[in-house]
Protein backbone atom coordinates (compact mmCIF):
# COMPACT_ATOMS: atom_id res chain seq x y z
CA MET A 1 27.04 -3.11 15.28
CA SER A 2 25.52 -5.70 17.61
CA SER A 3 24.31 -8.88 15.90
CA SER A 4 21.61 -9.28 18.56
CA PRO A 5 19.82 -5.94 18.97
CA LYS A 6 17.80 -5.64 22.18
CA GLY A 7 15.11 -3.22 21.13
CA PRO A 8 13.94 -0.80 18.46
CA THR A 9 16.66 1.29 16.87
CA ARG A 10 15.82 4.63 15.32
CA VAL A 11 17.35 5.14 11.91
CA SER A 12 17.02 8.20 9.70
CA ALA A 13 14.68 7.93 6.74
CA GLN A 14 17.52 8.87 4.38
CA THR A 15 19.64 6.02 5.69
CA LEU A 16 16.79 3.50 5.40
CA ASN A 17 16.04 4.71 1.90
CA ALA A 18 19.64 4.31 0.76
CA PHE A 19 19.86 0.89 2.44
CA SER A 20 16.66 -0.31 0.78
CA GLN A 21 17.78 0.89 -2.63
CA ALA A 22 21.18 -0.80 -2.23
CA LEU A 23 19.54 -4.11 -1.30
CA PHE A 24 17.24 -4.02 -4.32
CA VAL A 25 20.12 -3.18 -6.65
CA ALA A 26 22.12 -6.06 -5.18
CA LYS A 27 19.13 -8.29 -5.95
CA GLY A 28 19.22 -7.36 -9.64
CA VAL A 29 16.77 -4.45 -9.78
CA SER A 30 17.78 -1.41 -11.82
CA SER A 31 18.93 1.63 -9.86
CA GLU A 32 15.91 3.66 -11.05
CA HIS A 33 13.37 1.00 -10.11
CA ALA A 34 15.17 0.30 -6.82
CA GLN A 35 14.89 3.99 -5.92
CA THR A 36 11.17 3.98 -6.69
CA MET A 37 10.66 0.89 -4.53
CA ALA A 38 12.73 2.34 -1.68
CA ASN A 39 10.79 5.62 -1.83
CA ALA A 40 7.48 3.78 -1.41
CA LEU A 41 8.70 1.86 1.62
CA THR A 42 10.25 4.96 3.20
CA TRP A 43 7.02 6.91 2.69
CA ALA A 44 5.10 4.30 4.67
CA ASP A 45 7.69 4.11 7.44
CA LEU A 46 7.75 7.87 7.87
CA ARG A 47 3.97 8.00 8.22
CA GLY A 48 3.92 5.22 10.81
CA VAL A 49 2.57 2.54 8.46
CA ASP A 50 5.30 0.13 9.52
CA THR A 51 3.52 -2.88 8.02
CA HIS A 52 4.21 -1.48 4.53
CA GLY A 53 7.66 -0.02 5.05
CA ILE A 54 11.12 -1.54 5.15
CA SER A 55 9.61 -4.62 6.81
CA ARG A 56 8.35 -5.60 3.34
CA ILE A 57 11.86 -6.13 1.95
CA PRO A 58 12.06 -9.83 2.97
CA MET A 59 8.74 -10.47 1.23
CA TYR A 60 9.90 -8.65 -1.91
CA PHE A 61 13.07 -10.74 -1.91
CA ARG A 62 11.00 -13.94 -1.68
CA LEU A 63 8.89 -12.78 -4.62
CA LEU A 64 12.04 -11.99 -6.61
CA ASP A 65 13.52 -15.40 -5.74
CA SER A 66 10.37 -17.20 -6.90
CA LYS A 67 10.18 -15.06 -10.09
CA GLU A 68 6.70 -13.92 -9.06
CA MET A 69 8.18 -10.41 -9.06
CA ASN A 70 10.15 -9.52 -12.19
CA ALA A 71 13.38 -7.61 -11.54
CA THR A 72 13.71 -6.58 -15.20
CA PRO A 73 10.13 -5.98 -16.40
CA ASN A 74 8.94 -4.75 -19.77
CA LEU A 75 6.16 -2.33 -18.91
CA HIS A 76 4.10 -1.50 -21.98
CA VAL A 77 0.72 -0.14 -23.01
CA LEU A 78 -1.85 -2.72 -24.13
CA LYS A 79 -4.68 -0.33 -24.93
CA GLU A 80 -5.15 3.42 -24.95
CA THR A 81 -7.96 5.88 -25.49
CA LEU A 82 -8.19 9.60 -24.76
CA ALA A 83 -9.01 9.02 -21.09
CA LEU A 84 -7.95 5.41 -20.44
CA THR A 85 -4.76 3.36 -20.56
CA VAL A 86 -4.24 -0.33 -19.86
CA LEU A 87 -0.68 -0.80 -18.63
CA GLU A 88 0.84 -4.29 -18.72
CA ALA A 89 3.24 -4.35 -15.77
CA ASP A 90 4.96 -7.66 -16.58
CA ARG A 91 4.99 -8.71 -12.90
CA CYS A 92 7.12 -5.73 -11.90
CA ALA A 93 7.31 -4.39 -8.36
CA GLY A 94 4.05 -2.65 -7.53
CA PRO A 95 5.62 0.73 -6.70
CA VAL A 96 7.26 0.82 -10.14
CA ALA A 97 3.99 0.13 -11.94
CA MET A 98 1.93 2.50 -9.78
CA HIS A 99 4.46 5.32 -10.08
CA GLU A 100 4.29 5.01 -13.86
CA ALA A 101 0.50 4.70 -13.80
CA SER A 102 0.04 7.81 -11.66
CA ASP A 103 2.11 9.85 -14.13
CA MET A 104 0.05 8.48 -17.02
CA ALA A 105 -3.24 9.24 -15.25
CA MET A 106 -2.23 12.83 -14.51
CA LYS A 107 -1.10 13.40 -18.08
CA LYS A 108 -4.45 12.22 -19.40
CA ALA A 109 -6.36 14.27 -16.82
CA LYS A 110 -4.61 17.40 -18.06
CA LEU A 111 -5.92 16.67 -21.55
CA THR A 112 -9.42 15.35 -20.86
CA GLY A 113 -10.23 16.37 -17.28
CA MET A 114 -9.94 12.78 -16.01
CA GLY A 115 -7.53 9.93 -16.63
CA LEU A 116 -7.83 6.26 -15.69
CA VAL A 117 -4.93 3.82 -15.84
CA MET A 118 -5.66 0.13 -15.33
CA VAL A 119 -2.54 -1.73 -14.20
CA ARG A 120 -2.44 -5.37 -15.24
CA ASN A 121 -0.23 -8.08 -13.76
CA THR A 122 1.78 -6.26 -11.11
CA THR A 123 2.82 -7.29 -7.59
CA HIS A 124 2.48 -5.83 -4.09
CA THR A 125 1.62 -2.17 -4.59
CA ALA A 126 2.88 -0.97 -1.17
CA SER A 127 0.86 1.85 0.43
CA LEU A 128 -1.50 3.27 -2.17
CA GLY A 129 -1.44 6.57 -0.30
CA ILE A 130 1.92 7.51 -1.78
CA TYR A 131 0.41 7.54 -5.28
CA SER A 132 -2.84 9.28 -4.34
CA GLU A 133 -0.84 11.90 -2.42
CA LYS A 134 1.39 12.43 -5.45
CA VAL A 135 -1.65 13.10 -7.63
CA ALA A 136 -3.27 15.34 -5.01
CA GLN A 137 -0.13 17.42 -4.65
CA SER A 138 -0.33 18.15 -8.36
CA GLY A 139 -3.72 19.80 -7.76
CA MET A 140 -5.84 16.81 -8.75
CA ALA A 141 -8.19 14.42 -6.98
CA CYS A 142 -7.29 10.74 -6.99
CA ILE A 143 -8.81 7.32 -6.46
CA ALA A 144 -6.52 4.26 -6.36
CA LEU A 145 -7.41 0.64 -5.66
CA ALA A 146 -5.86 -2.78 -5.98
CA ALA A 147 -7.04 -6.38 -6.25
CA SER A 148 -5.02 -9.40 -5.19
CA ARG A 149 -5.33 -13.16 -4.77
CA PRO A 150 -7.55 -14.43 -1.91
CA ASN A 151 -6.11 -13.90 1.56
CA MET A 152 -9.15 -12.59 3.48
CA GLY A 153 -12.35 -14.31 4.51
CA TYR A 154 -15.41 -13.63 2.38
CA TYR A 155 -18.37 -12.75 4.60
CA GLY A 156 -20.09 -15.95 5.70
CA ALA A 157 -17.25 -18.22 4.55
CA LYS A 158 -14.75 -20.07 6.76
CA ALA A 159 -11.92 -19.65 4.29
CA ALA A 160 -10.16 -16.93 2.31
CA GLY A 161 -12.17 -15.94 -0.75
CA VAL A 162 -11.17 -12.34 -1.49
CA SER A 163 -8.18 -10.12 -0.69
CA THR A 164 -7.60 -7.38 1.87
CA ALA A 165 -7.86 -5.14 -1.18
CA PRO A 166 -6.60 -1.61 -0.41
CA PHE A 167 -7.87 1.67 -1.73
CA SER A 168 -6.93 5.29 -1.33
CA MET A 169 -8.62 8.58 -2.10
CA ALA A 170 -6.93 11.95 -1.93
CA VAL A 171 -7.59 15.59 -2.74
CA PRO A 172 -5.39 18.67 -2.42
CA GLY A 173 -5.45 20.12 1.07
CA PRO A 174 -4.29 23.23 2.92
CA LYS A 175 -0.63 23.99 3.61
CA GLY A 176 0.50 21.46 1.01
CA GLN A 177 -0.91 18.54 2.98
CA ALA A 178 -3.29 16.37 0.99
CA ILE A 179 -6.40 14.91 2.56
CA ILE A 180 -5.65 11.19 2.19
CA LEU A 181 -7.83 8.20 2.98
CA ASP A 182 -5.58 5.14 2.76
CA MET A 183 -7.06 1.88 3.97
CA ALA A 184 -7.83 -1.75 3.19
CA SER A 185 -11.08 -3.68 3.02
CA GLY A 186 -9.97 -5.93 5.88
CA ILE A 187 -10.21 -5.23 9.60
CA VAL A 188 -6.50 -5.95 9.85
CA SER A 189 -3.79 -6.38 7.22
CA LEU A 190 -1.62 -9.44 6.76
CA GLY A 191 1.33 -7.25 7.64
CA LYS A 192 -0.30 -6.36 10.96
CA LEU A 193 -0.99 -10.04 11.65
CA ALA A 194 2.69 -10.75 11.02
CA GLN A 195 3.65 -7.96 13.44
CA LEU A 196 1.35 -9.32 16.13
CA LYS A 197 2.74 -12.81 15.61
CA ALA A 198 6.34 -11.60 15.85
CA ASN A 199 5.56 -9.75 19.10
CA ASN A 200 3.18 -12.46 20.35
CA GLU A 201 0.44 -9.87 20.93
CA ALA A 202 -3.16 -11.04 21.12
CA LEU A 203 -5.61 -9.96 18.42
CA GLU A 204 -8.89 -8.21 19.05
CA PRO A 205 -11.97 -10.49 18.81
CA GLY A 206 -13.41 -10.61 15.30
CA TRP A 207 -10.17 -9.79 13.54
CA ALA A 208 -9.11 -13.11 12.07
CA LEU A 209 -9.65 -16.83 11.55
CA ASP A 210 -7.20 -19.69 11.95
CA ALA A 211 -6.32 -22.12 9.14
CA GLN A 212 -9.37 -24.24 9.99
CA GLY A 213 -11.74 -21.27 9.67
CA ASN A 214 -12.30 -20.73 13.38
CA GLU A 215 -12.21 -17.26 14.88
CA THR A 216 -9.12 -16.72 17.03
CA ILE A 217 -7.26 -14.06 18.98
CA ASP A 218 -4.08 -16.18 19.14
CA PRO A 219 -1.44 -14.40 16.99
CA GLN A 220 0.34 -17.70 16.35
CA LYS A 221 -2.80 -19.26 14.87
CA ALA A 222 -4.37 -16.29 13.10
CA SER A 223 -3.90 -16.55 9.33
CA ILE A 224 -7.06 -15.25 7.62
CA PRO A 225 -8.08 -11.63 8.33
CA LEU A 226 -11.78 -10.83 8.34
CA PRO A 227 -13.44 -8.11 6.23
CA LEU A 228 -14.07 -4.62 7.57
CA GLY A 229 -17.76 -4.22 8.28
CA GLY A 230 -18.55 -7.84 7.38
CA PRO A 231 -20.33 -7.94 4.02
CA LYS A 232 -19.29 -4.35 3.28
CA GLY A 233 -15.58 -5.11 3.35
CA SER A 234 -15.81 -8.37 1.43
CA GLY A 235 -18.20 -6.73 -1.05
CA LEU A 236 -15.72 -3.91 -1.69
CA SER A 237 -12.91 -6.39 -2.24
CA LEU A 238 -14.99 -8.44 -4.66
CA MET A 239 -15.96 -5.33 -6.64
CA PHE A 240 -12.29 -4.32 -6.92
CA GLU A 241 -11.60 -7.76 -8.41
CA LEU A 242 -14.51 -7.45 -10.82
CA MET A 243 -13.45 -3.96 -11.93
CA ALA A 244 -9.65 -4.19 -11.89
CA SER A 245 -8.97 -7.80 -12.84
CA LEU A 246 -11.74 -9.04 -15.10
CA PRO A 247 -11.71 -6.21 -17.70
CA VAL A 248 -7.97 -6.72 -18.26
CA LEU A 249 -8.53 -10.50 -18.48
CA ASN A 250 -6.25 -11.26 -15.54
CA PRO A 251 -8.66 -12.84 -13.02
CA LEU A 252 -7.15 -13.50 -9.62
CA ILE A 253 -9.90 -15.17 -7.58
CA GLY A 254 -11.03 -17.59 -10.26
CA HIS A 255 -7.43 -18.39 -11.15
CA PHE A 256 -6.52 -18.96 -7.49
CA PHE A 257 -9.17 -21.64 -7.11
CA SER A 258 -8.33 -23.35 -10.41
CA ASP A 259 -6.09 -26.38 -10.89
CA LYS A 260 -3.61 -24.44 -13.02
CA GLU A 261 0.07 -24.79 -12.23
CA ASP A 262 0.58 -21.13 -11.27
CA ALA A 263 -2.74 -20.76 -9.43
CA GLN A 264 -1.08 -19.84 -6.12
CA ARG A 265 1.27 -17.20 -7.53
CA HIS A 266 1.30 -13.69 -6.11
CA CYS A 267 -0.28 -11.18 -8.48
CA GLN A 268 -2.19 -7.90 -8.34
CA ASN A 269 -4.13 -5.63 -10.65
CA ALA A 270 -4.88 -1.98 -9.90
CA TRP A 271 -6.63 1.22 -10.92
CA ILE A 272 -5.54 4.81 -10.50
CA ILE A 273 -7.80 7.70 -11.48
CA ALA A 274 -6.77 11.36 -11.63
CA ILE A 275 -9.32 14.19 -11.87
CA ASP A 276 -8.15 17.68 -12.77
CA ILE A 277 -10.06 19.89 -10.34
CA ALA A 278 -9.09 23.05 -12.23
CA GLN A 279 -11.18 21.85 -15.17
CA VAL A 280 -14.24 21.51 -12.93
CA CYS A 281 -14.07 24.67 -10.82
CA PRO A 282 -11.67 27.53 -9.99
CA GLU A 283 -8.92 26.18 -7.77
CA ALA A 284 -9.19 29.12 -5.37
CA SER A 285 -12.87 28.35 -4.83
CA PHE A 286 -12.09 24.68 -4.19
CA TYR A 287 -9.45 25.51 -1.57
CA ASN A 288 -11.77 28.01 0.09
CA GLU A 289 -14.50 25.39 0.41
CA MET A 290 -11.93 22.86 1.61
CA GLU A 291 -10.85 25.16 4.44
CA ASN A 292 -14.47 25.85 5.39
CA THR A 293 -15.21 22.12 5.53
CA ILE A 294 -12.17 21.32 7.67
CA LYS A 295 -12.89 24.25 9.99
CA ALA A 296 -16.46 23.07 10.51
CA LEU A 297 -15.42 19.51 11.32
CA LYS A 298 -12.63 20.54 13.69
CA ALA A 299 -15.09 22.74 15.61
CA LEU A 300 -17.22 19.72 16.56
CA PRO A 301 -17.16 18.46 20.18
CA VAL A 302 -14.22 16.08 20.74
CA GLU A 303 -14.79 12.52 21.97
CA GLN A 304 -12.05 12.25 24.60
CA ARG A 305 -11.71 8.46 24.22
CA VAL A 306 -10.22 8.87 20.74
CA GLY A 307 -7.98 11.87 21.30
CA THR A 308 -7.75 15.56 22.06
CA GLU A 309 -8.54 16.89 18.59
CA ILE A 310 -10.48 15.99 15.49
CA LEU A 311 -8.22 14.86 12.68
CA MET A 312 -8.74 14.80 8.94
CA PRO A 313 -7.84 11.69 6.88
CA GLY A 314 -4.06 11.55 6.56
CA GLU A 315 -3.40 14.21 9.19
CA ARG A 316 -2.10 11.72 11.75
CA GLY A 317 0.36 10.45 9.12
CA TYR A 318 1.71 13.95 8.52
CA LYS A 319 2.17 14.48 12.26
CA GLU A 320 4.02 11.17 12.55
CA ARG A 321 6.15 12.01 9.53
CA HIS A 322 7.25 15.24 11.17
CA LEU A 323 8.29 13.35 14.33
CA ARG A 324 10.11 10.60 12.48
CA GLU A 325 11.95 13.04 10.25
CA GLN A 326 13.35 14.51 13.46
CA GLN A 327 13.79 11.35 15.54
CA GLY A 328 14.28 8.60 12.97
CA VAL A 329 12.18 5.54 12.13
CA PRO A 330 12.00 2.86 14.88
CA ILE A 331 13.03 -0.56 13.57
CA PRO A 332 12.17 -3.52 15.86
CA ALA A 333 14.93 -5.89 16.96
CA LYS A 334 13.72 -8.91 14.97
CA MET A 335 13.45 -6.86 11.79
CA GLN A 336 16.94 -5.46 12.35
CA ALA A 337 18.26 -9.01 12.57
CA THR A 338 16.42 -10.14 9.44
CA LEU A 339 17.57 -7.18 7.38
CA THR A 340 21.14 -7.49 8.67
CA GLU A 341 21.19 -11.12 7.47
CA LEU A 342 20.09 -9.97 4.01
CA ALA A 343 22.71 -7.23 4.07
CA LEU A 344 25.46 -9.75 4.87
CA LYS A 345 24.24 -12.14 2.20
CA TYR A 346 24.18 -9.46 -0.51
CA LYS A 347 27.25 -7.58 0.75
CA VAL A 348 25.40 -4.36 1.59
CA ALA A 349 26.35 -2.26 4.61
CA SER A 350 23.73 -2.55 7.35
CA PRO A 351 22.60 0.58 9.24
CA PHE A 352 21.82 -1.42 12.40
């Protein structure tokens, strides 16, 4: 393989998944947890969410090196009621904690109609859509959200005060494809900023601030993304912190601005809620109303500036997944080089 790739290389999802798992195992993660982590990254890459796919491996390795991410965590339940569980994640990889939490939430929903799992003290959760889709494909509705340390501007402030806190909602959809809303409270993610910086592509006005708190479109200076919808985005992020972090006594914003030794550490808290639709209404009736709703929306006049058809949340991701399953996932040259360096260092065969 060339050590200096010239452009994107398409690699099969299966190959990327196996490569990711092998890297994590070489880094000291158990085979089971490494597979869960690799699955989350592959899911994002297949759906075209490249900012949360295999490109996250270098970041995960940095977190493992700094011990902010625990390669051998002791996940355990801190509190449990009929409908609620508080899961201590022990700084494990976010996909590991969220995979476990989604299973717990669904199990409780089967018993009580609804289950909530509050995840305490985890790390980067990857794309929340993989967990909400998992719940939706079991016939349930799902809401997932995450809070993190400040990395996004709070509305009216010239500095980071809240996080680009993501959330996802999903319900079962027709033909086995869930209706998935998977988004963040920021206009642009930190991963997207990193992509723009790597490619030296200018930002759109109003997307980000520089380190001094000034608005910028320069990808080399942009470091603080701005909230989606101004006060709406920063308000959502703050509420996720107040709901996901404070009740489990693991505050992230207040801790970040303290003088404590570990104030700048990476940490996240999360929620995942599962609702058993079959305990609310007949499933056949739900699917019938779902199809009627989608049919009505797709019959609306199409705005040609945004496409040739009206799409439901998550539909674009399924279309992209179909293409990438056939053609492979495009990996940019710089990312190929970075991952190849890691592969050499940890004696893992590189697919590039």
